[in-house]
């Protein structure tokens, strides 16, 4: 979607259509978790001789992830404008004006 937006803007020459663009707001923790679990899932899935140790590491990693999202504070203070967005975990994040 982002690549198409960039391509469309360059080839049509339309400027001033900023309300059409999709803003991507990804908190650092969410990005870290996505990257970590993509590698962890690939590591466990691609090895035909996976054992209980690898499976238990996989399950315990998910338990730590769930505990972090459940125990993290739910609300953050808003910015000067008061505009907030929510991450996938339900935590509110300040959004610049």
PDB file of N, CA and C in Angstrom:
ATOM      1  N   UNK A   1       0.820  -1.173   0.000  1.00  0.00           N
ATOM      2  CA  UNK A   1       0.000   0.000   0.000  1.00  0.00           C
ATOM      3  C   UNK A   1       0.880   1.258   0.000  1.00  0.00           C
ATOM      4  N   UNK A   2       1.953   1.228   0.776  1.00  0.00           N
ATOM      5  CA  UNK A   2       2.850   2.378   0.838  1.00  0.00           C
ATOM      6  C   UNK A   2       3.587   2.545  -0.483  1.00  0.00           C
ATOM      7  N   UNK A   3       4.040   1.437  -1.065  1.00  0.00           N
ATOM      8  CA  UNK A   3       4.739   1.504  -2.351  1.00  0.00           C
ATOM      9  C   UNK A   3       3.807   2.023  -3.441  1.00  0.00           C
ATOM     10  N   UNK A   4       2.560   1.573  -3.450  1.00  0.00           N
ATOM     11  CA  UNK A   4       1.607   2.056  -4.448  1.00  0.00           C
ATOM     12  C   UNK A   4       1.343   3.546  -4.268  1.00  0.00           C
ATOM     13  N   UNK A   5       1.222   4.009  -3.018  1.00  0.00           N
ATOM     14  CA  UNK A   5       1.004   5.435  -2.777  1.00  0.00           C
ATOM     15  C   UNK A   5       2.157   6.267  -3.313  1.00  0.00           C
ATOM     16  N   UNK A   6       3.389   5.802  -3.079  1.00  0.00           N
ATOM     17  CA  UNK A   6       4.554   6.528  -3.586  1.00  0.00           C
ATOM     18  C   UNK A   6       4.583   6.508  -5.109  1.00  0.00           C
ATOM     19  N   UNK A   7       4.326   5.357  -5.700  1.00  0.00           N
ATOM     20  CA  UNK A   7       4.320   5.241  -7.166  1.00  0.00           C
ATOM     21  C   UNK A   7       3.231   6.119  -7.776  1.00  0.00           C
ATOM     22  N   UNK A   8       2.039   6.108  -7.202  1.00  0.00           N
ATOM     23  CA  UNK A   8       0.911   6.877  -7.726  1.00  0.00           C
ATOM     24  C   UNK A   8       1.201   8.370  -7.674  1.00  0.00           C
ATOM     25  N   UNK A   9       1.810   8.811  -6.584  1.00  0.00           N
ATOM     26  CA  UNK A   9       2.102  10.235  -6.447  1.00  0.00           C
ATOM     27  C   UNK A   9       3.136  10.689  -7.469  1.00  0.00           C
ATOM     28  N   UNK A  10       4.138   9.862  -7.732  1.00  0.00           N
ATOM     29  CA  UNK A  10       5.182  10.226  -8.692  1.00  0.00           C
ATOM     30  C   UNK A  10       4.630  10.236 -10.114  1.00  0.00           C
ATOM     31  N   UNK A  11       3.840   9.228 -10.474  1.00  0.00           N
ATOM     32  CA  UNK A  11       3.393   9.097 -11.862  1.00  0.00           C
ATOM     33  C   UNK A  11       2.181   9.944 -12.222  1.00  0.00           C
ATOM     34  N   UNK A  12       1.377  10.340 -11.269  1.00  0.00           N
ATOM     35  CA  UNK A  12       0.231  11.178 -11.595  1.00  0.00           C
ATOM     36  C   UNK A  12       0.517  12.647 -11.368  1.00  0.00           C
ATOM     37  N   UNK A  13       1.553  12.941 -10.579  1.00  0.00           N
ATOM     38  CA  UNK A  13       1.911  14.328 -10.328  1.00  0.00           C
ATOM     39  C   UNK A  13       0.959  15.039  -9.392  1.00  0.00           C
ATOM     40  N   UNK A  14       0.096  14.303  -8.707  1.00  0.00           N
ATOM     41  CA  UNK A  14      -0.852  14.927  -7.794  1.00  0.00           C
ATOM     42  C   UNK A  14      -0.181  15.185  -6.458  1.00  0.00           C
ATOM     43  N   UNK A  15      -0.210  16.423  -6.029  1.00  0.00           N
ATOM     44  CA  UNK A  15       0.279  16.788  -4.705  1.00  0.00           C
ATOM     45  C   UNK A  15      -0.888  17.371  -3.922  1.00  0.00           C
ATOM     46  N   UNK A  16      -0.710  17.437  -2.630  1.00  0.00           N
ATOM     47  CA  UNK A  16      -1.772  17.983  -1.800  1.00  0.00           C
ATOM     48  C   UNK A  16      -2.845  16.971  -1.446  1.00  0.00           C
ATOM     49  N   UNK A  17      -2.619  15.719  -1.713  1.00  0.00           N
ATOM     50  CA  UNK A  17      -3.590  14.676  -1.392  1.00  0.00           C
ATOM     51  C   UNK A  17      -3.150  13.914  -0.146  1.00  0.00           C
ATOM     52  N   UNK A  18      -2.642  14.619   0.843  1.00  0.00           N
ATOM     53  CA  UNK A  18      -2.093  13.963   2.026  1.00  0.00           C
ATOM     54  C   UNK A  18      -3.145  13.190   2.805  1.00  0.00           C
ATOM     55  N   UNK A  19      -4.408  13.544   2.679  1.00  0.00           N
ATOM     56  CA  UNK A  19      -5.440  12.800   3.407  1.00  0.00           C
ATOM     57  C   UNK A  19      -5.658  11.408   2.819  1.00  0.00           C
ATOM     58  N   UNK A  20      -5.113  11.124   1.658  1.00  0.00           N
ATOM     59  CA  UNK A  20      -5.260   9.802   1.043  1.00  0.00           C
ATOM     60  C   UNK A  20      -4.215   8.814   1.538  1.00  0.00           C
ATOM     61  N   UNK A  21      -3.170   9.290   2.165  1.00  0.00           N
ATOM     62  CA  UNK A  21      -2.072   8.417   2.545  1.00  0.00           C
ATOM     63  C   UNK A  21      -2.352   7.723   3.867  1.00  0.00           C
ATOM     64  N   UNK A  22      -1.843   6.521   3.985  1.00  0.00           N
ATOM     65  CA  UNK A  22      -2.029   5.701   5.180  1.00  0.00           C
ATOM     66  C   UNK A  22      -0.833   5.892   6.105  1.00  0.00           C
ATOM     67  N   UNK A  23      -1.018   6.523   7.268  1.00  0.00           N
ATOM     68  CA  UNK A  23       0.120   6.700   8.172  1.00  0.00           C
ATOM     69  C   UNK A  23       0.433   5.396   8.903  1.00  0.00           C
ATOM     70  N   UNK A  24       1.687   5.072   9.009  1.00  0.00           N
ATOM     71  CA  UNK A  24       2.105   3.859   9.695  1.00  0.00           C
ATOM     72  C   UNK A  24       2.737   4.270  11.022  1.00  0.00           C
ATOM     73  N   UNK A  25       2.081   3.918  12.116  1.00  0.00           N
ATOM     74  CA  UNK A  25       2.593   4.211  13.453  1.00  0.00           C
ATOM     75  C   UNK A  25       2.863   2.884  14.136  1.00  0.00           C
ATOM     76  N   UNK A  26       4.112   2.485  14.193  1.00  0.00           N
ATOM     77  CA  UNK A  26       4.482   1.229  14.835  1.00  0.00           C
ATOM     78  C   UNK A  26       5.402   1.517  16.012  1.00  0.00           C
ATOM     79  N   UNK A  27       4.939   1.258  17.218  1.00  0.00           N
ATOM     80  CA  UNK A  27       5.820   1.431  18.377  1.00  0.00           C
ATOM     81  C   UNK A  27       6.994   0.463  18.307  1.00  0.00           C
ATOM     82  N   UNK A  28       8.084   0.825  18.934  1.00  0.00           N
ATOM     83  CA  UNK A  28       9.297   0.011  18.882  1.00  0.00           C
ATOM     84  C   UNK A  28       9.100  -1.398  19.389  1.00  0.00           C
ATOM     85  N   UNK A  29       8.326  -1.568  20.460  1.00  0.00           N
ATOM     86  CA  UNK A  29       8.126  -2.904  21.019  1.00  0.00           C
ATOM     87  C   UNK A  29       7.379  -3.798  20.029  1.00  0.00           C
ATOM     88  N   UNK A  30       6.373  -3.276  19.357  1.00  0.00           N
ATOM     89  CA  UNK A  30       5.612  -4.077  18.395  1.00  0.00           C
ATOM     90  C   UNK A  30       6.494  -4.540  17.242  1.00  0.00           C
ATOM     91  N   UNK A  31       7.345  -3.668  16.745  1.00  0.00           N
ATOM     92  CA  UNK A  31       8.251  -4.039  15.656  1.00  0.00           C
ATOM     93  C   UNK A  31       9.238  -5.104  16.121  1.00  0.00           C
ATOM     94  N   UNK A  32       9.780  -4.933  17.323  1.00  0.00           N
ATOM     95  CA  UNK A  32      10.718  -5.913  17.867  1.00  0.00           C
ATOM     96  C   UNK A  32      10.063  -7.280  18.012  1.00  0.00           C
ATOM     97  N   UNK A  33       8.850  -7.319  18.492  1.00  0.00           N
ATOM     98  CA  UNK A  33       8.137  -8.588  18.681  1.00  0.00           C
ATOM     99  C   UNK A  33       7.857  -9.259  17.341  1.00  0.00           C
ATOM    100  N   UNK A  34       7.451  -8.498  16.354  1.00  0.00           N
ATOM    101  CA  UNK A  34       7.173  -9.070  15.034  1.00  0.00           C
ATOM    102  C   UNK A  34       8.435  -9.695  14.448  1.00  0.00           C
ATOM    103  N   UNK A  35       9.546  -8.969  14.485  1.00  0.00           N
ATOM    104  CA  UNK A  35      10.799  -9.491  13.937  1.00  0.00           C
ATOM    105  C   UNK A  35      11.266 -10.714  14.713  1.00  0.00           C
ATOM    106  N   UNK A  36      11.215 -10.644  16.040  1.00  0.00           N
ATOM    107  CA  UNK A  36      11.648 -11.763  16.875  1.00  0.00           C
ATOM    108  C   UNK A  36      10.854 -13.026  16.578  1.00  0.00           C
ATOM    109  N   UNK A  37       9.542 -12.919  16.496  1.00  0.00           N
ATOM    110  CA  UNK A  37       8.733 -14.111  16.314  1.00  0.00           C
ATOM    111  C   UNK A  37       8.719 -14.623  14.876  1.00  0.00           C
ATOM    112  N   UNK A  38       9.009 -13.770  13.920  1.00  0.00           N
ATOM    113  CA  UNK A  38       9.197 -14.277  12.559  1.00  0.00           C
ATOM    114  C   UNK A  38      10.431 -15.170  12.514  1.00  0.00           C
ATOM    115  N   UNK A  39      11.530 -14.710  13.102  1.00  0.00           N
ATOM    116  CA  UNK A  39      12.740 -15.541  13.132  1.00  0.00           C
ATOM    117  C   UNK A  39      12.561 -16.786  13.986  1.00  0.00           C
ATOM    118  N   UNK A  40      11.895 -16.656  15.123  1.00  0.00           N
ATOM    119  CA  UNK A  40      11.699 -17.797  16.007  1.00  0.00           C
ATOM    120  C   UNK A  40      10.797 -18.847  15.362  1.00  0.00           C
ATOM    121  N   UNK A  41       9.736 -18.410  14.706  1.00  0.00           N
ATOM    122  CA  UNK A  41       8.846 -19.348  14.019  1.00  0.00           C
ATOM    123  C   UNK A  41       9.566 -20.042  12.873  1.00  0.00           C
ATOM    124  N   UNK A  42      10.353 -19.297  12.118  1.00  0.00           N
ATOM    125  CA  UNK A  42      11.122 -19.897  11.030  1.00  0.00           C
ATOM    126  C   UNK A  42      12.118 -20.913  11.563  1.00  0.00           C
ATOM    127  N   UNK A  43      12.765 -20.590  12.668  1.00  0.00           N
ATOM    128  CA  UNK A  43      13.749 -21.485  13.285  1.00  0.00           C
ATOM    129  C   UNK A  43      13.099 -22.795  13.728  1.00  0.00           C
ATOM    130  N   UNK A  44      11.943 -22.715  14.359  1.00  0.00           N
ATOM    131  CA  UNK A  44      11.272 -23.920  14.856  1.00  0.00           C
ATOM    132  C   UNK A  44      10.635 -24.705  13.717  1.00  0.00           C
ATOM    133  N   UNK A  45      10.053 -24.025  12.749  1.00  0.00           N
ATOM    134  CA  UNK A  45       9.293 -24.693  11.691  1.00  0.00           C
ATOM    135  C   UNK A  45      10.182 -25.362  10.649  1.00  0.00           C
ATOM    136  N   UNK A  46      11.301 -24.752  10.302  1.00  0.00           N
ATOM    137  CA  UNK A  46      12.122 -25.268   9.205  1.00  0.00           C
ATOM    138  C   UNK A  46      13.002 -26.456   9.570  1.00  0.00           C
ATOM    139  N   UNK A  47      13.204 -26.701  10.840  1.00  0.00           N
ATOM    140  CA  UNK A  47      14.058 -27.814  11.246  1.00  0.00           C
ATOM    141  C   UNK A  47      13.209 -29.075  11.377  1.00  0.00           C
ATOM    142  N   UNK A  48      13.456 -30.092  10.545  1.00  0.00           N
ATOM    143  CA  UNK A  48      12.618 -31.298  10.607  1.00  0.00           C
ATOM    144  C   UNK A  48      12.840 -32.112  11.880  1.00  0.00           C
ATOM    145  N   UNK A  49      13.922 -31.846  12.587  1.00  0.00           N
ATOM    146  CA  UNK A  49      14.210 -32.609  13.803  1.00  0.00           C
ATOM    147  C   UNK A  49      14.019 -31.746  15.047  1.00  0.00           C
ATOM    148  N   UNK A  50      12.986 -30.923  15.066  1.00  0.00           N
ATOM    149  CA  UNK A  50      12.714 -30.111  16.244  1.00  0.00           C
ATOM    150  C   UNK A  50      12.414 -31.015  17.423  1.00  0.00           C
ATOM    151  N   UNK A  51      12.843 -30.602  18.587  1.00  0.00           N
ATOM    152  CA  UNK A  51      12.618 -31.402  19.777  1.00  0.00           C
ATOM    153  C   UNK A  51      11.812 -30.599  20.794  1.00  0.00           C
ATOM    154  N   UNK A  52      11.628 -31.177  21.964  1.00  0.00           N
ATOM    155  CA  UNK A  52      10.828 -30.518  22.987  1.00  0.00           C
ATOM    156  C   UNK A  52      11.486 -29.244  23.495  1.00  0.00           C
ATOM    157  N   UNK A  53      12.804 -29.189  23.461  1.00  0.00           N
ATOM    158  CA  UNK A  53      13.499 -27.982  23.917  1.00  0.00           C
ATOM    159  C   UNK A  53      13.127 -26.781  23.041  1.00  0.00           C
ATOM    160  N   UNK A  54      13.159 -26.953  21.741  1.00  0.00           N
ATOM    161  CA  UNK A  54      12.819 -25.840  20.842  1.00  0.00           C
ATOM    162  C   UNK A  54      11.351 -25.462  20.969  1.00  0.00           C
ATOM    163  N   UNK A  55      10.513 -26.448  21.107  1.00  0.00           N
ATOM    164  CA  UNK A  55       9.088 -26.158  21.295  1.00  0.00           C
ATOM    165  C   UNK A  55       8.824 -25.422  22.592  1.00  0.00           C
ATOM    166  N   UNK A  56       9.521 -25.815  23.650  1.00  0.00           N
ATOM    167  CA  UNK A  56       9.322 -25.143  24.934  1.00  0.00           C
ATOM    168  C   UNK A  56       9.857 -23.713  24.892  1.00  0.00           C
ATOM    169  N   UNK A  57      10.953 -23.477  24.181  1.00  0.00           N
ATOM    170  CA  UNK A  57      11.458 -22.115  24.009  1.00  0.00           C
ATOM    171  C   UNK A  57      10.426 -21.273  23.267  1.00  0.00           C
ATOM    172  N   UNK A  58       9.815 -21.848  22.263  1.00  0.00           N
ATOM    173  CA  UNK A  58       8.788 -21.162  21.481  1.00  0.00           C
ATOM    174  C   UNK A  58       7.590 -20.802  22.355  1.00  0.00           C
ATOM    175  N   UNK A  59       7.089 -21.759  23.126  1.00  0.00           N
ATOM    176  CA  UNK A  59       5.920 -21.528  23.982  1.00  0.00           C
ATOM    177  C   UNK A  59       6.250 -20.534  25.095  1.00  0.00           C
ATOM    178  N   UNK A  60       7.411 -20.660  25.715  1.00  0.00           N
ATOM    179  CA  UNK A  60       7.790 -19.723  26.771  1.00  0.00           C
ATOM    180  C   UNK A  60       7.991 -18.310  26.227  1.00  0.00           C
ATOM    181  N   UNK A  61       8.450 -18.182  25.003  1.00  0.00           N
ATOM    182  CA  UNK A  61       8.582 -16.856  24.387  1.00  0.00           C
ATOM    183  C   UNK A  61       7.222 -16.200  24.235  1.00  0.00           C
ATOM    184  N   UNK A  62       6.242 -16.980  23.804  1.00  0.00           N
ATOM    185  CA  UNK A  62       4.891 -16.445  23.702  1.00  0.00           C
ATOM    186  C   UNK A  62       4.336 -16.081  25.073  1.00  0.00           C
ATOM    187  N   UNK A  63       4.646 -16.853  26.096  1.00  0.00           N
ATOM    188  CA  UNK A  63       4.181 -16.528  27.453  1.00  0.00           C
ATOM    189  C   UNK A  63       4.774 -15.204  27.932  1.00  0.00           C
ATOM    190  N   UNK A  64       6.053 -14.979  27.665  1.00  0.00           N
ATOM    191  CA  UNK A  64       6.689 -13.713  28.033  1.00  0.00           C
ATOM    192  C   UNK A  64       6.053 -12.563  27.265  1.00  0.00           C
ATOM    193  N   UNK A  65       5.784 -12.759  25.995  1.00  0.00           N
ATOM    194  CA  UNK A  65       5.144 -11.733  25.179  1.00  0.00           C
ATOM    195  C   UNK A  65       3.765 -11.380  25.720  1.00  0.00           C
ATOM    196  N   UNK A  66       2.956 -12.382  26.008  1.00  0.00           N
ATOM    197  CA  UNK A  66       1.604 -12.143  26.521  1.00  0.00           C
ATOM    198  C   UNK A  66       1.669 -11.453  27.881  1.00  0.00           C
ATOM    199  N   UNK A  67       2.588 -11.876  28.733  1.00  0.00           N
ATOM    200  CA  UNK A  67       2.732 -11.244  30.045  1.00  0.00           C
ATOM    201  C   UNK A  67       3.109  -9.772  29.902  1.00  0.00           C
ATOM    202  N   UNK A  68       3.979  -9.458  28.958  1.00  0.00           N
ATOM    203  CA  UNK A  68       4.372  -8.069  28.755  1.00  0.00           C
ATOM    204  C   UNK A  68       3.194  -7.225  28.291  1.00  0.00           C
ATOM    205  N   UNK A  69       2.421  -7.719  27.359  1.00  0.00           N
ATOM    206  CA  UNK A  69       1.289  -6.945  26.868  1.00  0.00           C
ATOM    207  C   UNK A  69       0.191  -6.822  27.918  1.00  0.00           C
ATOM    208  N   UNK A  70       0.030  -7.826  28.761  1.00  0.00           N
ATOM    209  CA  UNK A  70      -1.008  -7.762  29.798  1.00  0.00           C
ATOM    210  C   UNK A  70      -0.591  -6.879  30.968  1.00  0.00           C
ATOM    211  N   UNK A  71       0.676  -6.881  31.329  1.00  0.00           N
ATOM    212  CA  UNK A  71       1.137  -6.162  32.508  1.00  0.00           C
ATOM    213  C   UNK A  71       1.650  -4.760  32.211  1.00  0.00           C
ATOM    214  N   UNK A  72       1.782  -4.410  30.954  1.00  0.00           N
ATOM    215  CA  UNK A  72       2.253  -3.067  30.599  1.00  0.00           C
ATOM    216  C   UNK A  72       1.183  -2.047  30.960  1.00  0.00           C
ATOM    217  N   UNK A  73       1.592  -0.829  31.320  1.00  0.00           N
ATOM    218  CA  UNK A  73       0.588   0.202  31.613  1.00  0.00           C
ATOM    219  C   UNK A  73      -0.278   0.465  30.391  1.00  0.00           C
ATOM    220  N   UNK A  74      -1.571   0.625  30.619  1.00  0.00           N
ATOM    221  CA  UNK A  74      -2.510   0.777  29.503  1.00  0.00           C
ATOM    222  C   UNK A  74      -2.544   2.192  28.933  1.00  0.00           C
ATOM    223  N   UNK A  75      -2.329   3.212  29.749  1.00  0.00           N
ATOM    224  CA  UNK A  75      -2.452   4.587  29.279  1.00  0.00           C
ATOM    225  C   UNK A  75      -1.127   5.320  29.415  1.00  0.00           C
ATOM    226  N   UNK A  76      -0.796   6.103  28.400  1.00  0.00           N
ATOM    227  CA  UNK A  76       0.346   7.004  28.438  1.00  0.00           C
ATOM    228  C   UNK A  76      -0.207   8.420  28.427  1.00  0.00           C
ATOM    229  N   UNK A  77       0.568   9.365  28.878  1.00  0.00           N
ATOM    230  CA  UNK A  77       0.093  10.739  28.846  1.00  0.00           C
ATOM    231  C   UNK A  77       0.026  11.216  27.405  1.00  0.00           C
ATOM    232  N   UNK A  78      -0.955  12.014  27.120  1.00  0.00           N
ATOM    233  CA  UNK A  78      -1.155  12.517  25.763  1.00  0.00           C
ATOM    234  C   UNK A  78      -0.185  13.658  25.489  1.00  0.00           C
ATOM    235  N   UNK A  79      -0.003  13.957  24.225  1.00  0.00           N
ATOM    236  CA  UNK A  79       0.856  15.074  23.835  1.00  0.00           C
ATOM    237  C   UNK A  79       0.125  16.387  24.105  1.00  0.00           C
ATOM    238  N   UNK A  80       0.740  17.489  23.741  1.00  0.00           N
ATOM    239  CA  UNK A  80       0.141  18.800  23.983  1.00  0.00           C
ATOM    240  C   UNK A  80      -1.182  18.959  23.248  1.00  0.00           C
ATOM    241  N   UNK A  81      -1.337  18.289  22.121  1.00  0.00           N
ATOM    242  CA  UNK A  81      -2.582  18.404  21.363  1.00  0.00           C
ATOM    243  C   UNK A  81      -3.664  17.482  21.893  1.00  0.00           C
ATOM    244  N   UNK A  82      -3.285  16.485  22.680  1.00  0.00           N
ATOM    245  CA  UNK A  82      -4.273  15.570  23.234  1.00  0.00           C
ATOM    246  C   UNK A  82      -4.670  14.454  22.292  1.00  0.00           C
ATOM    247  N   UNK A  83      -4.049  14.360  21.138  1.00  0.00           N
ATOM    248  CA  UNK A  83      -4.385  13.315  20.177  1.00  0.00           C
ATOM    249  C   UNK A  83      -3.661  12.034  20.549  1.00  0.00           C
ATOM    250  N   UNK A  84      -4.384  10.924  20.555  1.00  0.00           N
ATOM    251  CA  UNK A  84      -3.780   9.650  20.913  1.00  0.00           C
ATOM    252  C   UNK A  84      -4.125   8.600  19.870  1.00  0.00           C
ATOM    253  N   UNK A  85      -3.236   7.617  19.752  1.00  0.00           N
ATOM    254  CA  UNK A  85      -3.520   6.443  18.942  1.00  0.00           C
ATOM    255  C   UNK A  85      -3.303   5.225  19.820  1.00  0.00           C
ATOM    256  N   UNK A  86      -3.787   4.079  19.384  1.00  0.00           N
ATOM    257  CA  UNK A  86      -3.637   2.858  20.163  1.00  0.00           C
ATOM    258  C   UNK A  86      -2.812   1.857  19.375  1.00  0.00           C
ATOM    259  N   UNK A  87      -1.914   1.176  20.088  1.00  0.00           N
ATOM    260  CA  UNK A  87      -1.132   0.125  19.455  1.00  0.00           C
ATOM    261  C   UNK A  87      -1.938  -1.159  19.475  1.00  0.00           C
ATOM    262  N   UNK A  88      -1.385  -2.225  18.905  1.00  0.00           N
ATOM    263  CA  UNK A  88      -2.081  -3.502  18.877  1.00  0.00           C
ATOM    264  C   UNK A  88      -2.331  -4.052  20.267  1.00  0.00           C
ATOM    265  N   UNK A  89      -1.516  -3.667  21.234  1.00  0.00           N
ATOM    266  CA  UNK A  89      -1.673  -4.176  22.593  1.00  0.00           C
ATOM    267  C   UNK A  89      -2.701  -3.389  23.388  1.00  0.00           C
ATOM    268  N   UNK A  90      -3.256  -2.337  22.814  1.00  0.00           N
ATOM    269  CA  UNK A  90      -4.238  -1.536  23.525  1.00  0.00           C
ATOM    270  C   UNK A  90      -3.634  -0.363  24.268  1.00  0.00           C
ATOM    271  N   UNK A  91      -2.319  -0.217  24.233  1.00  0.00           N
ATOM    272  CA  UNK A  91      -1.675   0.904  24.899  1.00  0.00           C
ATOM    273  C   UNK A  91      -1.850   2.149  24.047  1.00  0.00           C
ATOM    274  N   UNK A  92      -2.198   3.271  24.673  1.00  0.00           N
ATOM    275  CA  UNK A  92      -2.350   4.501  23.905  1.00  0.00           C
ATOM    276  C   UNK A  92      -0.994   5.169  23.757  1.00  0.00           C
ATOM    277  N   UNK A  93      -0.773   5.750  22.617  1.00  0.00           N
ATOM    278  CA  UNK A  93       0.500   6.382  22.310  1.00  0.00           C
ATOM    279  C   UNK A  93       0.244   7.805  21.855  1.00  0.00           C
ATOM    280  N   UNK A  94       1.124   8.713  22.237  1.00  0.00           N
ATOM    281  CA  UNK A  94       0.984  10.094  21.805  1.00  0.00           C
ATOM    282  C   UNK A  94       1.263  10.190  20.321  1.00  0.00           C
ATOM    283  N   UNK A  95       0.494  11.008  19.645  1.00  0.00           N
ATOM    284  CA  UNK A  95       0.661  11.196  18.205  1.00  0.00           C
ATOM    285  C   UNK A  95       0.957  12.664  17.940  1.00  0.00           C
ATOM    286  N   UNK A  96       2.010  12.961  17.185  1.00  0.00           N
ATOM    287  CA  UNK A  96       2.317  14.367  16.912  1.00  0.00           C
ATOM    288  C   UNK A  96       1.233  15.015  16.073  1.00  0.00           C
ATOM    289  N   UNK A  97       1.066  16.317  16.274  1.00  0.00           N
ATOM    290  CA  UNK A  97       0.019  17.053  15.548  1.00  0.00           C
ATOM    291  C   UNK A  97       0.368  17.219  14.101  1.00  0.00           C
TER     292      UNK A  97
END
